[in-house]
Amino acid sequence: MFDALAERFAWADFRGCAFINTIVEAADPGSPAHAVADEHKRRLTAYLGDLLTAAGHADPQAMAPRLTLLVDGAIVTAFRERSPAAAQVARGIAEVLLAA
């Protein structure tokens, strides 16, 4: 996952995440755009939970939101710094969390 993020972060036209950008721009939680973007992030967390469950993780429901936070943080940092390095930093943090 983090390798794929690093590849995307290196693209010249990388502008962050459309869903994160939408949540920020359509800040009213009642707006349809905000709701769609929020649902996407919830589905990402659920998908990561499913992957963790399949991998036999002891507490996938606790770990999935942590990984989502790492992904979102890496996206924002990569855009702010204009560098794909955030993906590898996030990977390192994920490895520590998963090994604990």
PDB file of N, CA and C in Angstrom:
ATOM      1  N   MET A   1       0.820  -1.182   0.000  1.00  0.00           N
ATOM      2  CA  MET A   1       0.000   0.000   0.000  1.00  0.00           C
ATOM      3  C   MET A   1       0.873   1.259   0.000  1.00  0.00           C
ATOM      4  N   PHE A   2       1.889   1.271   0.824  1.00  0.00           N
ATOM      5  CA  PHE A   2       2.731   2.465   0.916  1.00  0.00           C
ATOM      6  C   PHE A   2       3.610   2.638  -0.317  1.00  0.00           C
ATOM      7  N   ASP A   3       3.976   1.527  -0.978  1.00  0.00           N
ATOM      8  CA  ASP A   3       4.709   1.641  -2.243  1.00  0.00           C
ATOM      9  C   ASP A   3       3.831   2.315  -3.299  1.00  0.00           C
ATOM     10  N   ALA A   4       2.567   1.918  -3.352  1.00  0.00           N
ATOM     11  CA  ALA A   4       1.637   2.527  -4.310  1.00  0.00           C
ATOM     12  C   ALA A   4       1.460   4.014  -4.013  1.00  0.00           C
ATOM     13  N   LEU A   5       1.366   4.352  -2.737  1.00  0.00           N
ATOM     14  CA  LEU A   5       1.257   5.767  -2.373  1.00  0.00           C
ATOM     15  C   LEU A   5       2.504   6.537  -2.810  1.00  0.00           C
ATOM     16  N   ALA A   6       3.678   5.966  -2.581  1.00  0.00           N
ATOM     17  CA  ALA A   6       4.923   6.641  -2.962  1.00  0.00           C
ATOM     18  C   ALA A   6       4.960   6.911  -4.463  1.00  0.00           C
ATOM     19  N   GLU A   7       4.497   5.938  -5.252  1.00  0.00           N
ATOM     20  CA  GLU A   7       4.461   6.140  -6.702  1.00  0.00           C
ATOM     21  C   GLU A   7       3.548   7.304  -7.066  1.00  0.00           C
ATOM     22  N   ARG A   8       2.386   7.331  -6.452  1.00  0.00           N
ATOM     23  CA  ARG A   8       1.431   8.412  -6.747  1.00  0.00           C
ATOM     24  C   ARG A   8       1.957   9.762  -6.263  1.00  0.00           C
ATOM     25  N   PHE A   9       2.575   9.772  -5.104  1.00  0.00           N
ATOM     26  CA  PHE A   9       3.119  11.022  -4.557  1.00  0.00           C
ATOM     27  C   PHE A   9       4.186  11.623  -5.468  1.00  0.00           C
ATOM     28  N   ALA A  10       4.856  10.792  -6.254  1.00  0.00           N
ATOM     29  CA  ALA A  10       5.934  11.259  -7.131  1.00  0.00           C
ATOM     30  C   ALA A  10       5.417  11.847  -8.445  1.00  0.00           C
ATOM     31  N   TRP A  11       4.150  11.667  -8.743  1.00  0.00           N
ATOM     32  CA  TRP A  11       3.600  12.205  -9.986  1.00  0.00           C
ATOM     33  C   TRP A  11       3.633  13.728  -9.952  1.00  0.00           C
ATOM     34  N   ALA A  12       3.952  14.330 -11.077  1.00  0.00           N
ATOM     35  CA  ALA A  12       4.029  15.793 -11.166  1.00  0.00           C
ATOM     36  C   ALA A  12       2.684  16.462 -10.889  1.00  0.00           C
ATOM     37  N   ASP A  13       1.591  15.769 -11.194  1.00  0.00           N
ATOM     38  CA  ASP A  13       0.266  16.369 -11.002  1.00  0.00           C
ATOM     39  C   ASP A  13      -0.398  15.973  -9.677  1.00  0.00           C
ATOM     40  N   PHE A  14       0.373  15.426  -8.744  1.00  0.00           N
ATOM     41  CA  PHE A  14      -0.195  15.011  -7.453  1.00  0.00           C
ATOM     42  C   PHE A  14      -0.717  16.232  -6.709  1.00  0.00           C
ATOM     43  N   ARG A  15      -1.989  16.171  -6.328  1.00  0.00           N
ATOM     44  CA  ARG A  15      -2.623  17.289  -5.620  1.00  0.00           C
ATOM     45  C   ARG A  15      -3.296  16.820  -4.340  1.00  0.00           C
ATOM     46  N   GLY A  16      -2.774  15.782  -3.745  1.00  0.00           N
ATOM     47  CA  GLY A  16      -3.374  15.277  -2.518  1.00  0.00           C
ATOM     48  C   GLY A  16      -4.486  14.299  -2.836  1.00  0.00           C
ATOM     49  N   CYS A  17      -5.387  14.155  -1.913  1.00  0.00           N
ATOM     50  CA  CYS A  17      -6.503  13.218  -2.035  1.00  0.00           C
ATOM     51  C   CYS A  17      -7.783  14.003  -2.301  1.00  0.00           C
ATOM     52  N   ALA A  18      -8.495  13.648  -3.339  1.00  0.00           N
ATOM     53  CA  ALA A  18      -9.741  14.342  -3.666  1.00  0.00           C
ATOM     54  C   ALA A  18     -10.741  14.263  -2.516  1.00  0.00           C
ATOM     55  N   PHE A  19     -10.715  13.154  -1.784  1.00  0.00           N
ATOM     56  CA  PHE A  19     -11.672  12.985  -0.687  1.00  0.00           C
ATOM     57  C   PHE A  19     -11.299  13.853   0.513  1.00  0.00           C
ATOM     58  N   ILE A  20     -10.017  13.902   0.836  1.00  0.00           N
ATOM     59  CA  ILE A  20      -9.574  14.794   1.921  1.00  0.00           C
ATOM     60  C   ILE A  20      -9.851  16.246   1.523  1.00  0.00           C
ATOM     61  N   ASN A  21      -9.520  16.596   0.290  1.00  0.00           N
ATOM     62  CA  ASN A  21      -9.754  17.959  -0.176  1.00  0.00           C
ATOM     63  C   ASN A  21     -11.236  18.323  -0.099  1.00  0.00           C
ATOM     64  N   THR A  22     -12.093  17.384  -0.459  1.00  0.00           N
ATOM     65  CA  THR A  22     -13.533  17.630  -0.408  1.00  0.00           C
ATOM     66  C   THR A  22     -14.018  17.811   1.022  1.00  0.00           C
ATOM     67  N   ILE A  23     -13.533  16.980   1.931  1.00  0.00           N
ATOM     68  CA  ILE A  23     -13.935  17.110   3.335  1.00  0.00           C
ATOM     69  C   ILE A  23     -13.554  18.484   3.876  1.00  0.00           C
ATOM     70  N   VAL A  24     -12.391  18.978   3.474  1.00  0.00           N
ATOM     71  CA  VAL A  24     -11.947  20.301   3.930  1.00  0.00           C
ATOM     72  C   VAL A  24     -12.784  21.406   3.277  1.00  0.00           C
ATOM     73  N   GLU A  25     -12.968  21.319   1.972  1.00  0.00           N
ATOM     74  CA  GLU A  25     -13.686  22.373   1.251  1.00  0.00           C
ATOM     75  C   GLU A  25     -15.184  22.371   1.553  1.00  0.00           C
ATOM     76  N   ALA A  26     -15.772  21.192   1.667  1.00  0.00           N
ATOM     77  CA  ALA A  26     -17.201  21.070   1.993  1.00  0.00           C
ATOM     78  C   ALA A  26     -17.301  20.733   3.475  1.00  0.00           C
ATOM     79  N   ALA A  27     -16.893  21.668   4.287  1.00  0.00           N
ATOM     80  CA  ALA A  27     -16.728  21.411   5.723  1.00  0.00           C
ATOM     81  C   ALA A  27     -18.022  21.075   6.448  1.00  0.00           C
ATOM     82  N   ASP A  28     -19.153  21.465   5.908  1.00  0.00           N
ATOM     83  CA  ASP A  28     -20.434  21.165   6.547  1.00  0.00           C
ATOM     84  C   ASP A  28     -20.712  19.669   6.440  1.00  0.00           C
ATOM     85  N   PRO A  29     -20.734  18.946   7.565  1.00  0.00           N
ATOM     86  CA  PRO A  29     -20.982  17.499   7.517  1.00  0.00           C
ATOM     87  C   PRO A  29     -22.314  17.136   6.869  1.00  0.00           C
ATOM     88  N   GLY A  30     -23.223  18.090   6.770  1.00  0.00           N
ATOM     89  CA  GLY A  30     -24.510  17.827   6.141  1.00  0.00           C
ATOM     90  C   GLY A  30     -24.500  17.954   4.631  1.00  0.00           C
ATOM     91  N   SER A  31     -23.407  18.443   4.075  1.00  0.00           N
ATOM     92  CA  SER A  31     -23.365  18.600   2.618  1.00  0.00           C
ATOM     93  C   SER A  31     -23.190  17.241   1.948  1.00  0.00           C
ATOM     94  N   PRO A  32     -23.835  17.043   0.794  1.00  0.00           N
ATOM     95  CA  PRO A  32     -23.706  15.763   0.091  1.00  0.00           C
ATOM     96  C   PRO A  32     -22.258  15.425  -0.270  1.00  0.00           C
ATOM     97  N   ALA A  33     -21.479  16.412  -0.682  1.00  0.00           N
ATOM     98  CA  ALA A  33     -20.085  16.149  -1.054  1.00  0.00           C
ATOM     99  C   ALA A  33     -19.291  15.663   0.146  1.00  0.00           C
ATOM    100  N   HIS A  34     -19.487  16.299   1.272  1.00  0.00           N
ATOM    101  CA  HIS A  34     -18.802  15.899   2.505  1.00  0.00           C
ATOM    102  C   HIS A  34     -19.189  14.467   2.864  1.00  0.00           C
ATOM    103  N   ALA A  35     -20.468  14.152   2.757  1.00  0.00           N
ATOM    104  CA  ALA A  35     -20.949  12.810   3.110  1.00  0.00           C
ATOM    105  C   ALA A  35     -20.323  11.736   2.223  1.00  0.00           C
ATOM    106  N   VAL A  36     -20.211  12.008   0.930  1.00  0.00           N
ATOM    107  CA  VAL A  36     -19.606  11.037   0.008  1.00  0.00           C
ATOM    108  C   VAL A  36     -18.136  10.825   0.345  1.00  0.00           C
ATOM    109  N   ALA A  37     -17.418  11.910   0.580  1.00  0.00           N
ATOM    110  CA  ALA A  37     -15.995  11.801   0.909  1.00  0.00           C
ATOM    111  C   ALA A  37     -15.794  11.075   2.231  1.00  0.00           C
ATOM    112  N   ASP A  38     -16.621  11.384   3.207  1.00  0.00           N
ATOM    113  CA  ASP A  38     -16.532  10.720   4.503  1.00  0.00           C
ATOM    114  C   ASP A  38     -16.805   9.221   4.362  1.00  0.00           C
ATOM    115  N   GLU A  39     -17.791   8.869   3.557  1.00  0.00           N
ATOM    116  CA  GLU A  39     -18.114   7.455   3.343  1.00  0.00           C
ATOM    117  C   GLU A  39     -16.944   6.729   2.690  1.00  0.00           C
ATOM    118  N   HIS A  40     -16.264   7.378   1.768  1.00  0.00           N
ATOM    119  CA  HIS A  40     -15.085   6.761   1.145  1.00  0.00           C
ATOM    120  C   HIS A  40     -14.029   6.433   2.203  1.00  0.00           C
ATOM    121  N   LYS A  41     -13.769   7.371   3.088  1.00  0.00           N
ATOM    122  CA  LYS A  41     -12.759   7.149   4.133  1.00  0.00           C
ATOM    123  C   LYS A  41     -13.206   6.038   5.081  1.00  0.00           C
ATOM    124  N   ARG A  42     -14.489   5.964   5.365  1.00  0.00           N
ATOM    125  CA  ARG A  42     -15.002   4.874   6.213  1.00  0.00           C
ATOM    126  C   ARG A  42     -14.821   3.517   5.523  1.00  0.00           C
ATOM    127  N   ARG A  43     -15.051   3.504   4.223  1.00  0.00           N
ATOM    128  CA  ARG A  43     -14.873   2.253   3.471  1.00  0.00           C
ATOM    129  C   ARG A  43     -13.403   1.843   3.417  1.00  0.00           C
ATOM    130  N   LEU A  44     -12.523   2.816   3.300  1.00  0.00           N
ATOM    131  CA  LEU A  44     -11.089   2.506   3.336  1.00  0.00           C
ATOM    132  C   LEU A  44     -10.732   1.855   4.665  1.00  0.00           C
ATOM    133  N   THR A  45     -11.219   2.419   5.749  1.00  0.00           N
ATOM    134  CA  THR A  45     -10.939   1.858   7.073  1.00  0.00           C
ATOM    135  C   THR A  45     -11.506   0.447   7.184  1.00  0.00           C
ATOM    136  N   ALA A  46     -12.713   0.238   6.692  1.00  0.00           N
ATOM    137  CA  ALA A  46     -13.320  -1.101   6.731  1.00  0.00           C
ATOM    138  C   ALA A  46     -12.509  -2.088   5.894  1.00  0.00           C
ATOM    139  N   TYR A  47     -12.047  -1.650   4.726  1.00  0.00           N
ATOM    140  CA  TYR A  47     -11.232  -2.507   3.861  1.00  0.00           C
ATOM    141  C   TYR A  47      -9.929  -2.896   4.551  1.00  0.00           C
ATOM    142  N   LEU A  48      -9.281  -1.923   5.172  1.00  0.00           N
ATOM    143  CA  LEU A  48      -8.049  -2.234   5.908  1.00  0.00           C
ATOM    144  C   LEU A  48      -8.345  -3.197   7.050  1.00  0.00           C
ATOM    145  N   GLY A  49      -9.472  -3.021   7.711  1.00  0.00           N
ATOM    146  CA  GLY A  49      -9.874  -3.958   8.762  1.00  0.00           C
ATOM    147  C   GLY A  49     -10.047  -5.366   8.218  1.00  0.00           C
ATOM    148  N   ASP A  50     -10.649  -5.483   7.040  1.00  0.00           N
ATOM    149  CA  ASP A  50     -10.816  -6.796   6.411  1.00  0.00           C
ATOM    150  C   ASP A  50      -9.465  -7.427   6.086  1.00  0.00           C
ATOM    151  N   LEU A  51      -8.541  -6.628   5.567  1.00  0.00           N
ATOM    152  CA  LEU A  51      -7.201  -7.145   5.266  1.00  0.00           C
ATOM    153  C   LEU A  51      -6.493  -7.607   6.536  1.00  0.00           C
ATOM    154  N   LEU A  52      -6.618  -6.823   7.588  1.00  0.00           N
ATOM    155  CA  LEU A  52      -5.995  -7.189   8.864  1.00  0.00           C
ATOM    156  C   LEU A  52      -6.614  -8.463   9.425  1.00  0.00           C
ATOM    157  N   THR A  53      -7.917  -8.599   9.307  1.00  0.00           N
ATOM    158  CA  THR A  53      -8.597  -9.812   9.765  1.00  0.00           C
ATOM    159  C   THR A  53      -8.086 -11.018   8.987  1.00  0.00           C
ATOM    160  N   ALA A  54      -8.015 -10.883   7.672  1.00  0.00           N
ATOM    161  CA  ALA A  54      -7.538 -11.979   6.826  1.00  0.00           C
ATOM    162  C   ALA A  54      -6.099 -12.353   7.149  1.00  0.00           C
ATOM    163  N   ALA A  55      -5.314 -11.363   7.581  1.00  0.00           N
ATOM    164  CA  ALA A  55      -3.914 -11.616   7.932  1.00  0.00           C
ATOM    165  C   ALA A  55      -3.762 -12.151   9.350  1.00  0.00           C
ATOM    166  N   GLY A  56      -4.869 -12.252  10.087  1.00  0.00           N
ATOM    167  CA  GLY A  56      -4.813 -12.795  11.438  1.00  0.00           C
ATOM    168  C   GLY A  56      -4.396 -11.806  12.506  1.00  0.00           C
ATOM    169  N   HIS A  57      -4.541 -10.513  12.240  1.00  0.00           N
ATOM    170  CA  HIS A  57      -4.169  -9.508  13.243  1.00  0.00           C
ATOM    171  C   HIS A  57      -5.040  -9.669  14.486  1.00  0.00           C
ATOM    172  N   ALA A  58      -4.447  -9.460  15.652  1.00  0.00           N
ATOM    173  CA  ALA A  58      -5.149  -9.665  16.925  1.00  0.00           C
ATOM    174  C   ALA A  58      -6.301  -8.684  17.138  1.00  0.00           C
ATOM    175  N   ASP A  59      -6.190  -7.456  16.655  1.00  0.00           N
ATOM    176  CA  ASP A  59      -7.230  -6.452  16.890  1.00  0.00           C
ATOM    177  C   ASP A  59      -7.401  -5.560  15.656  1.00  0.00           C
ATOM    178  N   PRO A  60      -7.968  -6.121  14.600  1.00  0.00           N
ATOM    179  CA  PRO A  60      -8.086  -5.363  13.356  1.00  0.00           C
ATOM    180  C   PRO A  60      -8.960  -4.115  13.478  1.00  0.00           C
ATOM    181  N   GLN A  61      -9.959  -4.156  14.339  1.00  0.00           N
ATOM    182  CA  GLN A  61     -10.855  -3.000  14.470  1.00  0.00           C
ATOM    183  C   GLN A  61     -10.155  -1.811  15.122  1.00  0.00           C
ATOM    184  N   ALA A  62      -9.160  -2.068  15.945  1.00  0.00           N
ATOM    185  CA  ALA A  62      -8.378  -0.981  16.542  1.00  0.00           C
ATOM    186  C   ALA A  62      -7.266  -0.517  15.600  1.00  0.00           C
ATOM    187  N   MET A  63      -6.690  -1.453  14.850  1.00  0.00           N
ATOM    188  CA  MET A  63      -5.560  -1.112  13.988  1.00  0.00           C
ATOM    189  C   MET A  63      -5.985  -0.412  12.697  1.00  0.00           C
ATOM    190  N   ALA A  64      -7.117  -0.763  12.141  1.00  0.00           N
ATOM    191  CA  ALA A  64      -7.538  -0.191  10.858  1.00  0.00           C
ATOM    192  C   ALA A  64      -7.623   1.336  10.880  1.00  0.00           C
ATOM    193  N   PRO A  65      -8.235   1.957  11.891  1.00  0.00           N
ATOM    194  CA  PRO A  65      -8.258   3.427  11.905  1.00  0.00           C
ATOM    195  C   PRO A  65      -6.867   4.040  12.048  1.00  0.00           C
ATOM    196  N   ARG A  66      -5.978   3.345  12.712  1.00  0.00           N
ATOM    197  CA  ARG A  66      -4.605   3.846  12.848  1.00  0.00           C
ATOM    198  C   ARG A  66      -3.913   3.871  11.493  1.00  0.00           C
ATOM    199  N   LEU A  67      -4.123   2.810  10.716  1.00  0.00           N
ATOM    200  CA  LEU A  67      -3.518   2.763   9.383  1.00  0.00           C
ATOM    201  C   LEU A  67      -4.142   3.810   8.460  1.00  0.00           C
ATOM    202  N   THR A  68      -5.445   4.017   8.592  1.00  0.00           N
ATOM    203  CA  THR A  68      -6.098   5.061   7.801  1.00  0.00           C
ATOM    204  C   THR A  68      -5.509   6.423   8.133  1.00  0.00           C
ATOM    205  N   LEU A  69      -5.278   6.663   9.403  1.00  0.00           N
ATOM    206  CA  LEU A  69      -4.662   7.925   9.826  1.00  0.00           C
ATOM    207  C   LEU A  69      -3.270   8.076   9.217  1.00  0.00           C
ATOM    208  N   LEU A  70      -2.508   6.989   9.170  1.00  0.00           N
ATOM    209  CA  LEU A  70      -1.181   7.042   8.552  1.00  0.00           C
ATOM    210  C   LEU A  70      -1.278   7.357   7.062  1.00  0.00           C
ATOM    211  N   VAL A  71      -2.213   6.727   6.383  1.00  0.00           N
ATOM    212  CA  VAL A  71      -2.400   6.983   4.952  1.00  0.00           C
ATOM    213  C   VAL A  71      -2.766   8.445   4.724  1.00  0.00           C
ATOM    214  N   ASP A  72      -3.764   8.925   5.460  1.00  0.00           N
ATOM    215  CA  ASP A  72      -4.195  10.313   5.287  1.00  0.00           C
ATOM    216  C   ASP A  72      -3.078  11.294   5.637  1.00  0.00           C
ATOM    217  N   GLY A  73      -2.368  11.022   6.698  1.00  0.00           N
ATOM    218  CA  GLY A  73      -1.253  11.888   7.086  1.00  0.00           C
ATOM    219  C   GLY A  73      -0.149  11.893   6.048  1.00  0.00           C
ATOM    220  N   ALA A  74       0.126  10.738   5.477  1.00  0.00           N
ATOM    221  CA  ALA A  74       1.150  10.654   4.434  1.00  0.00           C
ATOM    222  C   ALA A  74       0.727  11.444   3.199  1.00  0.00           C
ATOM    223  N   ILE A  75      -0.549  11.355   2.846  1.00  0.00           N
ATOM    224  CA  ILE A  75      -1.052  12.087   1.678  1.00  0.00           C
ATOM    225  C   ILE A  75      -0.879  13.590   1.872  1.00  0.00           C
ATOM    226  N   VAL A  76      -1.313  14.084   3.008  1.00  0.00           N
ATOM    227  CA  VAL A  76      -1.225  15.524   3.269  1.00  0.00           C
ATOM    228  C   VAL A  76       0.236  15.974   3.339  1.00  0.00           C
ATOM    229  N   THR A  77       1.073  15.183   4.008  1.00  0.00           N
ATOM    230  CA  THR A  77       2.490  15.543   4.132  1.00  0.00           C
ATOM    231  C   THR A  77       3.190  15.518   2.776  1.00  0.00           C
ATOM    232  N   ALA A  78       2.900  14.510   1.966  1.00  0.00           N
ATOM    233  CA  ALA A  78       3.517  14.429   0.640  1.00  0.00           C
ATOM    234  C   ALA A  78       3.151  15.643  -0.203  1.00  0.00           C
ATOM    235  N   PHE A  79       1.905  16.074  -0.114  1.00  0.00           N
ATOM    236  CA  PHE A  79       1.492  17.257  -0.866  1.00  0.00           C
ATOM    237  C   PHE A  79       2.168  18.512  -0.319  1.00  0.00           C
ATOM    238  N   ARG A  80       2.188  18.652   0.994  1.00  0.00           N
ATOM    239  CA  ARG A  80       2.786  19.844   1.617  1.00  0.00           C
ATOM    240  C   ARG A  80       4.276  19.939   1.319  1.00  0.00           C
ATOM    241  N   GLU A  81       4.975  18.805   1.403  1.00  0.00           N
ATOM    242  CA  GLU A  81       6.428  18.794   1.209  1.00  0.00           C
ATOM    243  C   GLU A  81       6.842  18.578  -0.239  1.00  0.00           C
ATOM    244  N   ARG A  82       5.888  18.243  -1.095  1.00  0.00           N
ATOM    245  CA  ARG A  82       6.198  17.935  -2.492  1.00  0.00           C
ATOM    246  C   ARG A  82       7.264  16.856  -2.587  1.00  0.00           C
ATOM    247  N   SER A  83       7.044  15.791  -1.806  1.00  0.00           N
ATOM    248  CA  SER A  83       8.007  14.694  -1.750  1.00  0.00           C
ATOM    249  C   SER A  83       7.281  13.385  -1.476  1.00  0.00           C
ATOM    250  N   PRO A  84       7.687  12.305  -2.155  1.00  0.00           N
ATOM    251  CA  PRO A  84       7.087  11.004  -1.887  1.00  0.00           C
ATOM    252  C   PRO A  84       7.615  10.340  -0.616  1.00  0.00           C
ATOM    253  N   ALA A  85       8.566  10.971   0.060  1.00  0.00           N
ATOM    254  CA  ALA A  85       9.196  10.358   1.239  1.00  0.00           C
ATOM    255  C   ALA A  85       8.202  10.058   2.355  1.00  0.00           C
ATOM    256  N   ALA A  86       7.113  10.783   2.417  1.00  0.00           N
ATOM    257  CA  ALA A  86       6.126  10.561   3.483  1.00  0.00           C
ATOM    258  C   ALA A  86       5.572   9.140   3.462  1.00  0.00           C
ATOM    259  N   ALA A  87       5.509   8.534   2.295  1.00  0.00           N
ATOM    260  CA  ALA A  87       5.000   7.162   2.205  1.00  0.00           C
ATOM    261  C   ALA A  87       5.913   6.190   2.947  1.00  0.00           C
ATOM    262  N   GLN A  88       7.210   6.376   2.820  1.00  0.00           N
ATOM    263  CA  GLN A  88       8.142   5.478   3.499  1.00  0.00           C
ATOM    264  C   GLN A  88       8.164   5.722   5.009  1.00  0.00           C
ATOM    265  N   VAL A  89       7.988   6.964   5.410  1.00  0.00           N
ATOM    266  CA  VAL A  89       7.893   7.264   6.844  1.00  0.00           C
ATOM    267  C   VAL A  89       6.651   6.586   7.414  1.00  0.00           C
ATOM    268  N   ALA A  90       5.531   6.709   6.704  1.00  0.00           N
ATOM    269  CA  ALA A  90       4.292   6.072   7.159  1.00  0.00           C
ATOM    270  C   ALA A  90       4.445   4.556   7.201  1.00  0.00           C
ATOM    271  N   ARG A  91       5.139   3.991   6.219  1.00  0.00           N
ATOM    272  CA  ARG A  91       5.376   2.548   6.209  1.00  0.00           C
ATOM    273  C   ARG A  91       6.147   2.126   7.462  1.00  0.00           C
ATOM    274  N   GLY A  92       7.171   2.880   7.807  1.00  0.00           N
ATOM    275  CA  GLY A  92       7.956   2.559   8.997  1.00  0.00           C
ATOM    276  C   GLY A  92       7.116   2.597  10.262  1.00  0.00           C
ATOM    277  N   ILE A  93       6.251   3.588  10.372  1.00  0.00           N
ATOM    278  CA  ILE A  93       5.370   3.674  11.537  1.00  0.00           C
ATOM    279  C   ILE A  93       4.405   2.493  11.542  1.00  0.00           C
ATOM    280  N   ALA A  94       3.855   2.153  10.384  1.00  0.00           N
ATOM    281  CA  ALA A  94       2.936   1.013  10.291  1.00  0.00           C
ATOM    282  C   ALA A  94       3.628  -0.281  10.707  1.00  0.00           C
ATOM    283  N   GLU A  95       4.865  -0.459  10.288  1.00  0.00           N
ATOM    284  CA  GLU A  95       5.601  -1.671  10.665  1.00  0.00           C
ATOM    285  C   GLU A  95       5.770  -1.767  12.176  1.00  0.00           C
ATOM    286  N   VAL A  96       6.066  -0.640  12.816  1.00  0.00           N
ATOM    287  CA  VAL A  96       6.200  -0.630  14.279  1.00  0.00           C
ATOM    288  C   VAL A  96       4.862  -0.980  14.928  1.00  0.00           C
ATOM    289  N   LEU A  97       3.789  -0.364  14.454  1.00  0.00           N
ATOM    290  CA  LEU A  97       2.466  -0.635  15.020  1.00  0.00           C
ATOM    291  C   LEU A  97       2.062  -2.097  14.844  1.00  0.00           C
ATOM    292  N   LEU A  98       2.308  -2.626  13.666  1.00  0.00           N
ATOM    293  CA  LEU A  98       1.903  -4.005  13.387  1.00  0.00           C
ATOM    294  C   LEU A  98       2.744  -5.026  14.145  1.00  0.00           C
ATOM    295  N   ALA A  99       3.967  -4.653  14.477  1.00  0.00           N
ATOM    296  CA  ALA A  99       4.848  -5.572  15.214  1.00  0.00           C
ATOM    297  C   ALA A  99       4.585  -5.550  16.717  1.00  0.00           C
ATOM    298  N   ALA A 100       3.893  -4.534  17.186  1.00  0.00           N
ATOM    299  CA  ALA A 100       3.656  -4.387  18.637  1.00  0.00           C
ATOM    300  C   ALA A 100       2.652  -5.402  19.152  1.00  0.00           C
TER     301      ALA A 100
END
